[in-house]
Amino acid sequence: MEAAAKTPAPEHGYITDKDQYLKRMGRIEGQARGISKMIDDEKYCIDILTQISALTSALEVVALGLLDDHLNHCVLDAARLGEGDAAAKIKEASDAIRRLVRS
């Protein structure tokens, strides 16, 4: 009895930039720890808010990069291959955009 051939898992769109995303997320983690320390050290409110704004912007850059990768890789590949899930991939992207805009 022959084993069924496994289809390799599709690569995610961000895979070529994975190291850059991990570096950026490491910096974001450091920023978050820095904000916690600022609060613990009872720093000035506006200074903390400024750092929160910078952290929010850094997260938005990551989110937009991942969204761009998703559109240019996952959605585009599904459309090229004529897979039935192309519409589902577009809906996923639209839902993600909706969540980003609300936040």
N, C-alpha and C. Protein backbone atom coordinates (compact mmCIF):
# COMPACT_ATOMS: atom_id res chain seq x y z
N MET A 1 0.84 -1.18 0.00
CA MET A 1 0.00 0.00 0.00
C MET A 1 0.89 1.24 0.00
N GLU A 2 0.66 2.11 -0.91
CA GLU A 2 1.48 3.31 -1.09
C GLU A 2 0.95 4.47 -0.26
N ALA A 3 1.86 5.16 0.43
CA ALA A 3 1.45 6.31 1.24
C ALA A 3 1.09 7.47 0.33
N ALA A 4 0.08 8.20 0.73
CA ALA A 4 -0.33 9.38 -0.04
C ALA A 4 0.78 10.43 0.03
N ALA A 5 1.04 11.07 -1.11
CA ALA A 5 2.07 12.12 -1.16
C ALA A 5 1.58 13.33 -0.39
N LYS A 6 2.43 13.85 0.46
CA LYS A 6 2.06 15.03 1.23
C LYS A 6 2.34 16.27 0.42
N THR A 7 1.39 17.18 0.45
CA THR A 7 1.59 18.47 -0.20
C THR A 7 2.33 19.36 0.78
N PRO A 8 3.44 19.98 0.34
CA PRO A 8 4.15 20.84 1.28
C PRO A 8 3.28 22.02 1.72
N ALA A 9 3.44 22.39 2.98
CA ALA A 9 2.68 23.53 3.49
C ALA A 9 3.12 24.79 2.75
N PRO A 10 2.17 25.63 2.38
CA PRO A 10 2.54 26.85 1.67
C PRO A 10 3.36 27.78 2.57
N GLU A 11 4.31 28.45 1.97
CA GLU A 11 5.10 29.41 2.73
C GLU A 11 4.27 30.67 2.94
N HIS A 12 4.47 31.26 4.08
CA HIS A 12 3.77 32.52 4.35
C HIS A 12 4.49 33.64 3.62
N GLY A 13 3.75 34.68 3.28
CA GLY A 13 4.30 35.78 2.51
C GLY A 13 5.45 36.50 3.19
N TYR A 14 5.49 36.48 4.50
CA TYR A 14 6.52 37.21 5.24
C TYR A 14 7.82 36.43 5.39
N ILE A 15 7.85 35.19 4.92
CA ILE A 15 8.98 34.30 5.22
C ILE A 15 10.32 34.87 4.76
N THR A 16 10.34 35.60 3.66
CA THR A 16 11.61 36.17 3.19
C THR A 16 12.08 37.32 4.07
N ASP A 17 11.17 37.93 4.80
CA ASP A 17 11.51 39.04 5.70
C ASP A 17 11.42 38.65 7.16
N LYS A 18 11.34 37.35 7.43
CA LYS A 18 11.13 36.85 8.79
C LYS A 18 12.14 37.42 9.78
N ASP A 19 13.42 37.40 9.42
CA ASP A 19 14.46 37.90 10.34
C ASP A 19 14.25 39.38 10.65
N GLN A 20 13.88 40.16 9.63
CA GLN A 20 13.64 41.58 9.86
C GLN A 20 12.44 41.79 10.79
N TYR A 21 11.38 41.00 10.59
CA TYR A 21 10.22 41.10 11.47
C TYR A 21 10.59 40.73 12.90
N LEU A 22 11.39 39.68 13.05
CA LEU A 22 11.79 39.26 14.40
C LEU A 22 12.65 40.32 15.08
N LYS A 23 13.55 40.94 14.33
CA LYS A 23 14.37 42.02 14.90
C LYS A 23 13.50 43.18 15.34
N ARG A 24 12.56 43.56 14.46
CA ARG A 24 11.66 44.68 14.79
C ARG A 24 10.81 44.34 16.01
N MET A 25 10.31 43.11 16.08
CA MET A 25 9.49 42.72 17.23
C MET A 25 10.34 42.70 18.51
N GLY A 26 11.60 42.34 18.39
CA GLY A 26 12.49 42.41 19.55
C GLY A 26 12.64 43.83 20.06
N ARG A 27 12.77 44.77 19.12
CA ARG A 27 12.86 46.19 19.51
C ARG A 27 11.56 46.65 20.16
N ILE A 28 10.44 46.19 19.61
CA ILE A 28 9.13 46.55 20.15
C ILE A 28 8.98 45.99 21.57
N GLU A 29 9.43 44.76 21.78
CA GLU A 29 9.40 44.19 23.14
C GLU A 29 10.22 45.06 24.09
N GLY A 30 11.37 45.50 23.63
CA GLY A 30 12.21 46.37 24.46
C GLY A 30 11.52 47.68 24.77
N GLN A 31 10.84 48.24 23.77
CA GLN A 31 10.09 49.48 24.00
C GLN A 31 9.00 49.26 25.06
N ALA A 32 8.29 48.14 24.97
CA ALA A 32 7.22 47.86 25.93
C ALA A 32 7.80 47.71 27.34
N ARG A 33 8.92 47.02 27.46
CA ARG A 33 9.56 46.89 28.77
C ARG A 33 10.00 48.27 29.28
N GLY A 34 10.50 49.10 28.37
CA GLY A 34 10.91 50.45 28.75
C GLY A 34 9.75 51.28 29.27
N ILE A 35 8.60 51.13 28.66
CA ILE A 35 7.41 51.85 29.12
C ILE A 35 7.01 51.37 30.51
N SER A 36 7.06 50.07 30.72
CA SER A 36 6.75 49.54 32.05
C SER A 36 7.69 50.12 33.09
N LYS A 37 8.96 50.19 32.74
CA LYS A 37 9.97 50.74 33.67
C LYS A 37 9.69 52.22 33.92
N MET A 38 9.29 52.94 32.87
CA MET A 38 8.97 54.36 33.05
C MET A 38 7.83 54.53 34.05
N ILE A 39 6.82 53.67 33.93
CA ILE A 39 5.69 53.75 34.86
C ILE A 39 6.16 53.40 36.27
N ASP A 40 6.95 52.33 36.37
CA ASP A 40 7.47 51.91 37.67
C ASP A 40 8.32 53.01 38.30
N ASP A 41 9.08 53.71 37.47
CA ASP A 41 9.94 54.81 37.95
C ASP A 41 9.18 56.13 38.10
N GLU A 42 7.87 56.08 37.83
CA GLU A 42 6.99 57.25 37.97
C GLU A 42 7.46 58.43 37.12
N LYS A 43 7.78 58.15 35.86
CA LYS A 43 8.19 59.21 34.93
C LYS A 43 6.98 60.07 34.56
N TYR A 44 7.27 61.18 33.94
CA TYR A 44 6.26 62.16 33.55
C TYR A 44 5.27 61.55 32.56
N CYS A 45 3.99 61.81 32.77
CA CYS A 45 2.90 61.23 31.97
C CYS A 45 3.10 61.42 30.47
N ILE A 46 3.42 62.63 30.07
CA ILE A 46 3.55 62.93 28.65
C ILE A 46 4.71 62.15 28.03
N ASP A 47 5.78 61.96 28.77
CA ASP A 47 6.90 61.17 28.27
C ASP A 47 6.48 59.71 28.03
N ILE A 48 5.68 59.18 28.95
CA ILE A 48 5.18 57.81 28.80
C ILE A 48 4.25 57.73 27.59
N LEU A 49 3.36 58.70 27.46
CA LEU A 49 2.44 58.72 26.31
C LEU A 49 3.20 58.83 24.99
N THR A 50 4.27 59.59 24.98
CA THR A 50 5.09 59.71 23.78
C THR A 50 5.68 58.35 23.40
N GLN A 51 6.15 57.61 24.39
CA GLN A 51 6.71 56.28 24.12
C GLN A 51 5.63 55.29 23.68
N ILE A 52 4.43 55.42 24.25
CA ILE A 52 3.32 54.57 23.82
C ILE A 52 2.97 54.85 22.37
N SER A 53 3.00 56.12 21.99
CA SER A 53 2.73 56.49 20.60
C SER A 53 3.78 55.88 19.67
N ALA A 54 5.04 55.92 20.07
CA ALA A 54 6.11 55.33 19.26
C ALA A 54 5.93 53.82 19.15
N LEU A 55 5.53 53.19 20.24
CA LEU A 55 5.30 51.74 20.23
C LEU A 55 4.14 51.39 19.31
N THR A 56 3.08 52.17 19.39
CA THR A 56 1.92 51.95 18.52
C THR A 56 2.32 52.08 17.05
N SER A 57 3.10 53.09 16.73
CA SER A 57 3.56 53.29 15.34
C SER A 57 4.42 52.12 14.88
N ALA A 58 5.29 51.63 15.76
CA ALA A 58 6.15 50.49 15.40
C ALA A 58 5.31 49.25 15.12
N LEU A 59 4.28 49.02 15.91
CA LEU A 59 3.40 47.88 15.68
C LEU A 59 2.63 48.04 14.37
N GLU A 60 2.22 49.26 14.07
CA GLU A 60 1.50 49.52 12.82
C GLU A 60 2.40 49.22 11.61
N VAL A 61 3.68 49.56 11.71
CA VAL A 61 4.61 49.28 10.61
C VAL A 61 4.69 47.76 10.37
N VAL A 62 4.78 46.99 11.45
CA VAL A 62 4.82 45.53 11.33
C VAL A 62 3.51 45.03 10.72
N ALA A 63 2.40 45.51 11.23
CA ALA A 63 1.09 45.07 10.74
C ALA A 63 0.92 45.37 9.25
N LEU A 64 1.29 46.57 8.84
CA LEU A 64 1.15 46.93 7.43
C LEU A 64 2.09 46.13 6.55
N GLY A 65 3.28 45.84 7.05
CA GLY A 65 4.21 45.00 6.29
C GLY A 65 3.67 43.60 6.11
N LEU A 66 3.12 43.02 7.18
CA LEU A 66 2.54 41.68 7.09
C LEU A 66 1.33 41.68 6.17
N LEU A 67 0.53 42.72 6.23
CA LEU A 67 -0.63 42.81 5.33
C LEU A 67 -0.18 42.89 3.88
N ASP A 68 0.83 43.69 3.61
CA ASP A 68 1.37 43.80 2.27
C ASP A 68 1.90 42.45 1.78
N ASP A 69 2.64 41.77 2.65
CA ASP A 69 3.15 40.44 2.30
C ASP A 69 2.01 39.47 2.02
N HIS A 70 0.96 39.54 2.83
CA HIS A 70 -0.20 38.65 2.63
C HIS A 70 -0.85 38.90 1.27
N LEU A 71 -1.03 40.18 0.95
CA LEU A 71 -1.67 40.51 -0.33
C LEU A 71 -0.80 40.08 -1.51
N ASN A 72 0.50 40.37 -1.42
CA ASN A 72 1.40 40.10 -2.54
C ASN A 72 1.82 38.65 -2.66
N HIS A 73 1.60 37.87 -1.64
CA HIS A 73 2.01 36.47 -1.70
C HIS A 73 0.79 35.56 -1.61
N CYS A 74 0.16 35.53 -0.48
CA CYS A 74 -0.93 34.59 -0.24
C CYS A 74 -2.13 34.83 -1.16
N VAL A 75 -2.59 36.07 -1.21
CA VAL A 75 -3.76 36.38 -2.03
C VAL A 75 -3.42 36.26 -3.51
N LEU A 76 -2.29 36.81 -3.92
CA LEU A 76 -1.90 36.75 -5.32
C LEU A 76 -1.69 35.32 -5.79
N ASP A 77 -1.02 34.51 -4.97
CA ASP A 77 -0.81 33.10 -5.34
C ASP A 77 -2.13 32.35 -5.46
N ALA A 78 -3.05 32.58 -4.53
CA ALA A 78 -4.34 31.91 -4.60
C ALA A 78 -5.09 32.31 -5.87
N ALA A 79 -5.00 33.58 -6.24
CA ALA A 79 -5.67 34.05 -7.46
C ALA A 79 -5.01 33.46 -8.71
N ARG A 80 -3.68 33.41 -8.72
CA ARG A 80 -2.95 32.85 -9.87
C ARG A 80 -3.26 31.37 -10.07
N LEU A 81 -3.33 30.65 -8.95
CA LEU A 81 -3.57 29.21 -9.03
C LEU A 81 -5.03 28.88 -9.27
N GLY A 82 -5.86 29.90 -9.21
CA GLY A 82 -7.29 29.69 -9.43
C GLY A 82 -7.94 28.88 -8.32
N GLU A 83 -7.29 28.89 -7.17
CA GLU A 83 -7.85 28.15 -6.05
C GLU A 83 -9.16 28.79 -5.61
N GLY A 84 -10.03 27.96 -5.13
CA GLY A 84 -11.32 28.44 -4.66
C GLY A 84 -11.22 29.32 -3.44
N ASP A 85 -10.06 29.28 -2.77
CA ASP A 85 -9.95 30.06 -1.55
C ASP A 85 -9.42 31.47 -1.79
N ALA A 86 -9.29 31.89 -3.04
CA ALA A 86 -8.83 33.26 -3.32
C ALA A 86 -9.78 34.28 -2.70
N ALA A 87 -11.08 34.04 -2.85
CA ALA A 87 -12.06 34.96 -2.26
C ALA A 87 -11.95 34.97 -0.74
N ALA A 88 -11.67 33.81 -0.16
CA ALA A 88 -11.51 33.73 1.29
C ALA A 88 -10.27 34.50 1.73
N LYS A 89 -9.18 34.43 0.95
CA LYS A 89 -7.95 35.16 1.28
C LYS A 89 -8.20 36.67 1.22
N ILE A 90 -8.96 37.12 0.24
CA ILE A 90 -9.28 38.54 0.13
C ILE A 90 -10.13 38.97 1.32
N LYS A 91 -11.10 38.12 1.71
CA LYS A 91 -11.93 38.45 2.87
C LYS A 91 -11.07 38.52 4.13
N GLU A 92 -10.13 37.61 4.28
CA GLU A 92 -9.23 37.65 5.44
C GLU A 92 -8.49 38.98 5.49
N ALA A 93 -7.98 39.40 4.33
CA ALA A 93 -7.24 40.67 4.26
C ALA A 93 -8.16 41.85 4.59
N SER A 94 -9.36 41.83 4.04
CA SER A 94 -10.32 42.91 4.32
C SER A 94 -10.66 42.96 5.80
N ASP A 95 -10.87 41.80 6.41
CA ASP A 95 -11.17 41.75 7.84
C ASP A 95 -9.99 42.28 8.66
N ALA A 96 -8.77 41.91 8.26
CA ALA A 96 -7.57 42.39 8.97
C ALA A 96 -7.45 43.91 8.85
N ILE A 97 -7.72 44.44 7.67
CA ILE A 97 -7.68 45.89 7.47
C ILE A 97 -8.72 46.56 8.36
N ARG A 98 -9.90 45.98 8.41
CA ARG A 98 -10.98 46.53 9.25
C ARG A 98 -10.54 46.57 10.71
N ARG A 99 -9.90 45.49 11.20
CA ARG A 99 -9.43 45.47 12.59
C ARG A 99 -8.34 46.51 12.82
N LEU A 100 -7.44 46.67 11.86
CA LEU A 100 -6.37 47.65 12.00
C LEU A 100 -6.90 49.08 12.04
N VAL A 101 -7.88 49.35 11.22
CA VAL A 101 -8.45 50.70 11.16
C VAL A 101 -9.20 51.03 12.45
N ARG A 102 -9.84 50.02 13.04
CA ARG A 102 -10.59 50.23 14.28
C ARG A 102 -9.67 50.48 15.46
N SER A 103 -8.47 49.91 15.41
CA SER A 103 -7.60 50.01 16.59
C SER A 103 -6.91 51.35 16.70
